[in-house]
Protein backbone atom coordinates (compact mmCIF):
# COMPACT_ATOMS: atom_id res chain seq x y z
CA MET A 1 108.99 102.71 68.02
CA THR A 2 107.79 101.19 71.26
CA GLY A 3 105.33 102.38 73.43
CA PRO A 4 105.74 103.82 77.17
CA ARG A 5 107.34 102.02 80.03
CA PRO A 6 104.68 99.95 81.57
CA PHE A 7 104.10 100.38 85.36
CA ARG A 8 106.42 98.16 87.61
CA ILE A 9 107.62 97.66 91.40
CA ALA A 10 111.17 96.61 92.13
CA ALA A 11 111.78 92.78 92.05
CA ARG A 12 113.01 93.13 95.77
CA VAL A 13 109.79 94.51 96.59
CA ALA A 14 107.83 92.30 95.15
CA GLY A 15 109.21 89.29 96.09
CA LEU A 16 108.69 90.21 99.34
CA PRO A 17 106.70 87.31 101.62
CA ALA A 18 102.81 88.60 102.38
CA ASN A 19 103.33 89.82 106.25
CA CYS A 20 100.95 87.41 108.54
CA PHE A 21 100.02 90.37 110.75
CA ALA A 22 98.49 92.84 108.42
CA ALA A 23 96.08 89.54 107.38
CA THR A 24 95.09 88.74 110.95
CA ASP A 25 94.18 92.48 111.23
CA ALA A 26 92.46 92.21 108.23
CA LYS A 27 90.08 89.43 109.76
CA VAL A 28 90.22 91.35 112.87
CA ALA A 29 88.64 94.19 111.41
CA LYS A 30 85.88 92.30 109.42
CA ALA A 31 84.81 90.65 112.23
CA ARG A 32 84.34 93.73 114.42
CA GLY A 33 82.98 95.21 111.26
CA GLY A 34 80.31 92.81 112.15
CA GLY A 35 79.31 93.80 115.59
CA VAL A 36 81.80 91.26 117.05
CA ASP A 37 83.48 92.08 120.04
CA VAL A 38 87.00 90.62 119.73
CA ILE A 39 89.38 90.21 122.31
CA ASP A 40 92.63 90.92 119.74
CA LEU A 41 95.45 88.98 121.21
CA SER A 42 97.72 89.34 118.09
CA LYS A 43 99.59 91.91 118.60
CA ALA A 44 102.56 92.96 120.33
CA ASN A 45 101.44 96.72 121.29
CA PRO A 46 102.15 97.79 124.45
CA ASP A 47 98.75 98.53 126.44
CA GLY A 48 100.71 100.90 129.26
CA ARG A 49 102.39 103.77 129.21
CA ALA A 50 105.75 104.87 129.94
CA PRO A 51 107.17 105.40 133.07
CA ALA A 52 105.95 109.01 134.61
CA PHE A 53 109.40 110.07 135.10
CA VAL A 54 109.98 109.21 131.46
CA ALA A 55 106.83 110.95 130.02
CA ARG A 56 107.81 114.08 132.20
CA GLN A 57 111.42 114.24 130.36
CA GLY A 58 109.85 113.79 127.10
CA ALA A 59 107.10 116.71 127.89
CA ALA A 60 109.82 119.06 129.11
CA ALA A 61 112.09 118.31 126.43
CA MET A 62 109.83 118.90 123.77
CA LEU A 63 109.81 122.63 124.89
CA ARG A 64 113.91 122.68 124.55
CA ASP A 65 115.85 124.93 122.43
CA SER A 66 118.33 123.04 121.52
CA ASN A 67 116.22 119.83 120.47
CA PHE A 68 114.81 121.99 117.75
CA PRO A 69 117.57 121.52 114.98
CA TYR A 70 118.43 118.30 113.91
CA GLY A 71 120.14 116.11 115.86
CA PRO A 72 123.62 114.38 115.60
CA PHE A 73 123.39 111.31 112.82
CA ASP A 74 124.40 109.21 115.71
CA GLY A 75 122.73 110.18 118.49
CA LYS A 76 122.61 112.53 121.55
CA ALA A 77 125.65 112.27 123.85
CA ARG A 78 123.75 112.04 126.34
CA PHE A 79 121.88 109.12 124.64
CA LEU A 80 124.92 107.05 124.13
CA GLU A 81 126.13 107.70 127.36
CA ALA A 82 123.29 106.52 129.01
CA ALA A 83 123.04 103.25 126.85
CA ALA A 84 126.61 102.96 127.68
CA GLY A 85 126.30 103.03 131.64
CA TRP A 86 122.93 101.12 131.22
CA TYR A 87 125.15 97.81 129.67
CA ALA A 88 128.22 98.53 132.36
CA ARG A 89 125.34 98.28 135.82
CA GLU A 90 123.11 95.98 133.88
CA HIS A 91 125.52 93.51 132.45
CA GLY A 92 128.82 94.14 133.54
CA VAL A 93 129.45 95.23 129.84
CA ALA A 94 132.02 98.28 129.25
CA LEU A 95 131.17 100.28 125.79
CA ASP A 96 132.43 103.37 124.25
CA PRO A 97 129.95 105.43 123.68
CA SER A 98 131.58 106.99 121.01
CA SER A 99 132.70 103.86 118.52
CA GLN A 100 130.29 101.24 120.27
CA VAL A 101 126.68 102.55 120.50
CA THR A 102 124.49 104.10 117.58
CA ALA A 103 120.99 105.31 118.37
CA VAL A 104 118.46 104.04 115.55
CA GLU A 105 114.75 104.92 115.36
CA GLY A 106 113.48 101.60 117.49
CA ALA A 107 114.86 97.83 116.57
CA SER A 108 113.24 97.62 112.86
CA VAL A 109 114.99 99.70 111.69
CA GLY A 110 118.64 98.46 113.70
CA LEU A 111 117.32 95.29 111.89
CA ALA A 112 117.38 96.85 108.91
CA ALA A 113 120.65 98.36 109.02
CA VAL A 114 122.32 95.62 110.35
CA THR A 115 120.83 93.24 107.70
CA GLN A 116 121.44 95.80 104.58
CA SER A 117 125.50 96.68 106.24
CA LEU A 118 126.56 93.10 106.80
CA LEU A 119 124.91 91.00 104.02
CA ASP A 120 125.42 91.24 99.82
CA PRO A 121 122.91 89.57 97.42
CA GLY A 122 123.73 85.81 97.41
CA ASP A 123 125.12 85.54 101.24
CA ALA A 124 123.35 83.37 104.04
CA LEU A 125 121.31 85.02 106.57
CA THR A 126 120.42 82.04 109.57
CA VAL A 127 117.93 82.09 112.10
CA VAL A 128 116.85 80.07 114.88
CA GLU A 129 113.25 78.88 113.99
CA PRO A 130 110.69 79.27 114.99
CA TYR A 131 111.54 83.11 113.82
CA TYR A 132 110.11 87.01 114.01
CA PRO A 133 108.49 87.12 110.36
CA PRO A 134 110.88 90.26 109.13
CA TYR A 135 113.54 88.27 109.36
CA LEU A 136 112.60 86.62 106.24
CA ALA A 137 112.03 89.52 104.72
CA LEU A 138 115.24 91.47 105.94
CA ALA A 139 117.27 88.67 103.88
CA ALA A 140 114.47 89.00 100.90
CA ALA A 141 115.58 93.41 100.74
CA ALA A 142 119.21 92.36 100.82
CA GLY A 143 119.21 89.74 98.29
CA ALA A 144 120.14 86.92 101.07
CA ARG A 145 119.63 83.65 101.44
CA PHE A 146 117.63 82.84 104.40
CA ARG A 147 118.60 79.59 106.77
CA THR A 148 117.03 78.03 109.70
CA ILE A 149 117.81 76.49 112.43
CA ARG A 150 115.03 74.37 114.51
CA ALA A 151 114.63 74.75 117.98
CA THR A 152 111.60 73.16 119.57
CA ALA A 153 110.24 72.58 122.57
CA GLY A 154 111.86 69.57 124.16
CA ASN A 155 115.02 71.99 123.99
CA GLY A 156 113.88 74.55 125.52
CA TYR A 157 113.79 76.61 121.84
CA LEU A 158 116.72 77.11 122.11
CA PRO A 159 119.14 75.01 119.05
CA ASP A 160 121.41 72.65 120.04
CA LEU A 161 124.32 73.71 118.62
CA GLY A 162 126.13 70.83 118.46
CA ALA A 163 124.29 69.12 115.78
CA VAL A 164 124.39 72.01 113.41
CA ASP A 165 126.25 70.30 110.16
CA PRO A 166 129.54 72.68 110.44
CA SER A 167 128.85 73.33 106.57
CA VAL A 168 125.73 75.35 107.95
CA TRP A 169 128.43 77.54 109.84
CA ASP A 170 130.83 77.77 107.24
CA ASP A 171 128.03 79.04 104.82
CA THR A 172 126.66 81.67 107.36
CA ALA A 173 127.61 85.34 107.05
CA LEU A 174 125.52 86.38 110.07
CA LEU A 175 123.77 84.67 112.47
CA LEU A 176 120.66 86.66 113.60
CA LEU A 177 119.63 85.39 117.10
CA ASN A 178 116.83 86.77 119.21
CA PHE A 179 116.63 86.26 122.74
CA PRO A 180 114.45 86.70 125.02
CA ALA A 181 112.50 85.07 121.59
CA ASN A 182 109.30 86.53 120.13
CA PRO A 183 107.40 84.24 119.67
CA THR A 184 107.93 81.13 122.12
CA GLY A 185 109.54 83.21 125.34
CA ALA A 186 112.89 81.31 125.15
CA MET A 187 115.57 82.98 126.99
CA ALA A 188 119.49 82.24 126.13
CA ASP A 189 122.27 82.49 129.03
CA ARG A 190 125.62 83.54 129.26
CA ALA A 191 126.84 79.75 128.37
CA PHE A 192 125.06 79.39 125.63
CA PHE A 193 125.60 83.16 123.76
CA GLY A 194 129.45 81.90 124.58
CA ASP A 195 128.96 78.80 122.71
CA VAL A 196 127.41 80.79 119.54
CA LEU A 197 130.97 82.80 119.96
CA ALA A 198 132.97 80.36 119.74
CA LEU A 199 131.32 78.95 116.26
CA SER A 200 131.55 82.47 115.11
CA ARG A 201 135.56 82.74 115.82
CA ALA A 202 135.66 79.36 114.34
CA HIS A 203 133.87 79.77 111.48
CA GLY A 204 134.06 83.96 111.08
CA PHE A 205 130.23 85.07 110.64
CA ALA A 206 129.07 88.16 112.75
CA VAL A 207 126.70 87.53 115.49
CA ILE A 208 123.65 90.09 116.35
CA ASN A 209 121.52 89.34 119.29
CA ASP A 210 117.67 91.38 118.68
CA PHE A 211 117.17 92.27 122.20
CA ALA A 212 114.26 94.06 121.59
CA TYR A 213 112.73 92.23 124.98
CA ALA A 214 115.77 92.94 127.03
CA GLY A 215 114.64 93.95 131.22
CA ILE A 216 111.65 91.01 130.58
CA GLY A 217 112.56 88.16 132.27
CA TYR A 218 110.02 86.39 134.57
CA ARG A 219 112.60 84.97 136.82
CA GLU A 220 115.68 86.45 136.15
CA ARG A 221 117.16 89.50 134.20
CA PRO A 222 117.91 88.42 130.25
CA ALA A 223 121.55 87.61 129.75
CA SER A 224 123.38 89.98 127.00
CA LEU A 225 124.91 88.57 123.87
CA LEU A 226 127.78 91.22 124.87
CA SER A 227 128.54 89.84 128.41
CA ALA A 228 129.95 86.87 126.37
CA ALA A 229 131.97 88.79 124.00
CA GLN A 230 135.79 88.37 123.68
CA THR A 231 137.59 91.76 122.18
CA GLY A 232 137.36 91.08 118.79
CA ASP A 233 134.56 89.15 118.30
CA LEU A 234 131.50 90.70 115.67
CA ALA A 235 129.32 90.79 118.26
CA ALA A 236 126.59 93.15 118.22
CA GLU A 237 123.08 93.87 120.04
CA ILE A 238 119.74 95.50 119.10
CA CYS A 239 118.15 96.86 122.31
CA SER A 240 114.44 98.90 122.17
CA MET A 241 113.18 101.53 124.48
CA SER A 242 109.52 100.25 122.80
CA LYS A 243 108.95 96.92 125.33
CA MET A 244 111.03 97.62 128.08
CA TYR A 245 109.70 101.26 128.77
CA THR A 246 106.62 101.00 127.30
CA MET A 247 107.40 103.90 124.80
CA ALA A 248 106.93 101.96 121.48
CA GLY A 249 105.52 104.96 119.86
CA TRP A 250 108.39 106.90 120.18
CA ARG A 251 110.53 105.04 118.22
CA ALA A 252 113.88 104.63 119.49
CA GLY A 253 116.66 102.03 120.33
CA PHE A 254 120.21 101.58 119.87
CA ILE A 255 122.50 99.47 118.41
CA ALA A 256 125.67 98.44 120.68
CA GLY A 257 128.60 95.81 120.12
CA ASP A 258 131.69 95.78 117.77
CA ALA A 259 133.59 98.87 116.71
CA ARG A 260 133.91 97.83 113.46
CA LEU A 261 130.14 96.81 113.20
CA ILE A 262 128.95 99.79 114.61
CA GLY A 263 131.16 102.31 112.08
CA ALA A 264 129.46 99.61 109.20
CA PHE A 265 125.84 100.44 110.84
CA ARG A 266 126.82 104.11 110.73
CA ARG A 267 127.89 104.34 107.19
CA TYR A 268 124.23 103.31 106.08
CA HIS A 269 122.31 105.25 108.46
CA HIS A 270 124.11 108.28 107.67
CA GLN A 271 122.87 107.66 104.21
CA LEU A 272 119.52 106.06 104.17
CA CYS A 273 117.63 107.01 107.98
CA SER A 274 117.04 109.46 110.05
CA SER A 275 118.10 109.86 113.57
CA VAL A 276 116.10 109.79 116.25
CA ALA A 277 113.90 112.37 117.35
CA ALA A 278 116.20 114.77 120.32
CA PRO A 279 113.05 114.95 122.49
CA VAL A 280 112.64 111.57 122.55
CA GLN A 281 116.34 110.56 123.15
CA ASP A 282 116.40 112.36 126.08
CA ALA A 283 113.16 110.73 127.62
CA ALA A 284 114.96 107.29 126.42
CA ALA A 285 118.26 108.58 127.95
CA ALA A 286 116.35 109.41 131.64
CA ALA A 287 114.69 105.67 131.87
CA LEU A 288 118.34 104.10 130.71
CA ASP A 289 119.65 106.13 133.57
CA SER A 290 117.37 105.14 136.08
CA ASP A 291 117.21 102.05 138.44
CA GLN A 292 115.09 99.99 136.64
CA SER A 293 112.40 99.60 139.43
CA THR A 294 109.86 100.31 136.55
CA VAL A 295 111.54 97.21 134.28
CA ARG A 296 111.42 94.95 136.91
CA ASP A 297 107.57 96.12 137.96
CA LEU A 298 106.52 95.69 134.18
CA ALA A 299 108.26 91.91 133.94
CA ALA A 300 106.70 90.91 136.98
CA ARG A 301 103.37 92.16 135.56
CA TYR A 302 103.68 90.27 132.35
CA ALA A 303 104.87 87.31 134.49
CA SER A 304 101.79 87.00 136.15
CA ARG A 305 99.83 87.61 133.16
CA HIS A 306 101.67 84.71 131.32
CA ARG A 307 100.73 82.49 134.44
CA LEU A 308 97.11 83.48 133.91
CA VAL A 309 97.08 82.56 130.71
CA ALA A 310 98.85 79.40 131.03
CA GLU A 311 97.51 77.80 134.39
CA GLY A 312 94.08 78.77 132.76
CA LEU A 313 94.59 77.36 129.13
CA ARG A 314 96.22 73.80 130.81
CA GLU A 315 93.36 73.05 133.01
CA SER A 316 90.92 72.80 129.50
CA GLY A 317 94.17 70.37 128.57
CA ILE A 318 95.70 73.09 126.41
CA ASP A 319 99.47 72.89 126.79
CA VAL A 320 101.54 76.08 127.00
CA PHE A 321 105.66 76.28 127.07
CA ASP A 322 106.93 77.41 130.23
CA SER A 323 107.88 80.37 128.76
CA SER A 324 111.05 82.66 130.55
CA GLY A 325 110.36 86.04 128.92
CA ALA A 326 109.03 88.26 126.30
CA LEU A 327 105.48 89.04 126.05
CA TYR A 328 103.19 85.71 124.83
CA ALA A 329 102.01 82.68 125.45
CA TRP A 330 103.11 79.58 123.28
CA ALA A 331 100.59 77.25 123.21
CA ARG A 332 99.91 74.24 121.47
CA VAL A 333 96.88 73.19 118.95
CA PRO A 334 94.98 70.25 118.98
CA ASP A 335 96.51 67.43 117.46
CA ASP A 336 93.96 67.07 114.96
CA CYS A 337 93.81 70.74 113.75
CA THR A 338 96.62 73.01 112.01
CA SER A 339 97.64 75.95 113.21
CA GLN A 340 96.32 78.35 111.20
CA GLY A 341 92.60 76.25 111.76
CA PHE A 342 92.86 76.52 114.90
CA ALA A 343 93.40 80.42 115.20
CA ASP A 344 90.65 80.81 112.62
CA LEU A 345 88.57 78.71 115.09
CA LEU A 346 89.29 80.77 117.75
CA LEU A 347 88.36 83.92 115.96
CA GLU A 348 85.30 82.82 114.78
CA ARG A 349 83.29 80.74 117.49
CA ALA A 350 85.82 82.10 120.54
CA HIS A 351 86.02 85.93 119.07
CA VAL A 352 89.65 85.87 120.13
CA ALA A 353 92.33 86.68 117.42
CA VAL A 354 95.54 84.38 118.01
CA LEU A 355 98.91 84.18 115.48
CA PRO A 356 98.85 81.00 113.86
CA GLY A 357 102.70 79.32 114.51
CA THR A 358 103.14 79.13 110.86
CA CYS A 359 103.60 82.74 110.70
CA PHE A 360 106.86 82.49 112.79
CA GLY A 361 108.46 79.61 109.89
CA GLU A 362 107.46 75.91 109.64
CA GLY A 363 108.46 75.06 112.45
CA GLY A 364 105.83 76.95 114.46
CA GLU A 365 103.05 74.15 113.31
CA GLY A 366 101.45 72.84 115.73
CA TYR A 367 101.17 76.25 118.01
CA VAL A 368 99.78 79.79 118.19
CA ARG A 369 101.02 82.67 119.71
CA ILE A 370 98.85 84.51 121.88
CA SER A 371 100.29 88.12 123.12
CA LEU A 372 100.02 89.04 126.55
CA LEU A 373 99.28 92.93 126.29
CA MET A 374 96.13 93.48 127.59
CA PRO A 375 94.38 94.25 130.72
CA GLU A 376 94.00 91.19 133.03
CA GLU A 377 90.15 91.15 132.95
CA ARG A 378 90.36 90.89 129.14
CA LEU A 379 93.06 87.86 129.25
CA ARG A 380 90.98 85.98 131.64
CA GLU A 381 87.69 86.49 129.48
CA ALA A 382 89.89 84.98 126.29
CA VAL A 383 91.22 82.16 128.20
CA SER A 384 87.56 81.24 129.11
CA ARG A 385 86.37 82.06 125.64
CA ILE A 386 89.08 79.43 124.46
CA ALA A 387 88.75 77.12 126.92
CA GLU A 388 84.62 77.13 125.88
CA THR A 389 85.69 76.53 122.25
CA ALA A 390 88.12 74.10 122.50
CA ILE A 391 85.87 71.93 124.80
CA ALA A 392 82.93 72.12 122.97
CA CYS A 393 84.51 71.25 119.66
CA GLY A 394 86.30 68.19 121.17
CA TYR A 395 89.46 69.46 120.88
CA ALA A 396 90.50 69.73 125.00
CA GLY A 397 88.96 68.32 128.22
């Protein structure tokens, strides 16, 4: 007679990679527990609040009788129509809200829906490196193989598509892009997306753009993958309300694109996810229906913060990539230091928390990611601390 089965967790969970964000949080908490004034620039949590008109819409929607029951699985009609209207006005893309848009509880849920719907065990998920760390975990959860295409500063952190071996494209089931990019802030244009979609048609893989930083461009509005798509292309885009409208805690977003893909995502979502809270959808619809002036103002604020950080660090000899959008400064570490070593040094001596570039894949070695989501006076103080530490340690001058 055998004994009781020992406790174990599922292999797909046990095999997930460690979360570098959580590791940095633990280090910051330990330092703060010792009374240290840490300026935490490791997070992508917006430091502002939603525009006043959006907040008012949300507050009113909380008291609306129609919002107390469960909402539609795919999203309220008003929200889906607002998302389609936003695409038409901002990107010149015509979408049928009934079949080409579906609501999700933020980009993270959208990414899970996409990868679980399109990847079978053994399929290849291909991403551009440096990449957003959860992409590796998403591949692991789907039992998929994880492939990367390296992008470098010399090419503006856009991959050289022509240099990729065609066998990589033949092997790819899903190409997951992220432009504007986390962590580099690189932006792709319509021509680049057109080249990607031409490869998709030739080799038969789907293309998804994680458009979490839609609207957050420093010099121009970020381009949409869908603006380059042709009828029949297996292309979709995941949009989030978090960064454009400072609604991160409200958890709302949507996926838009080819109706076949949206149908697959809905099939997954109907069974394994919750619908977005109805009052949040009403607030998000108001945000999408607006003239987007608040988004442009927010992008200008982040551009100003990036200049502050980049110029301050460059004065001390630290090279910073000329990002075009998103919420980060991507800074080169000294030649005789690793990414993790420099991040640890800054936390220990400057009391500034940043993320080592290796959080974003091997291609991130030699860099650290610095979040811009902090008031300018704190960013200015952080730059001063980083510069003083780098000079004192002989790493800059």
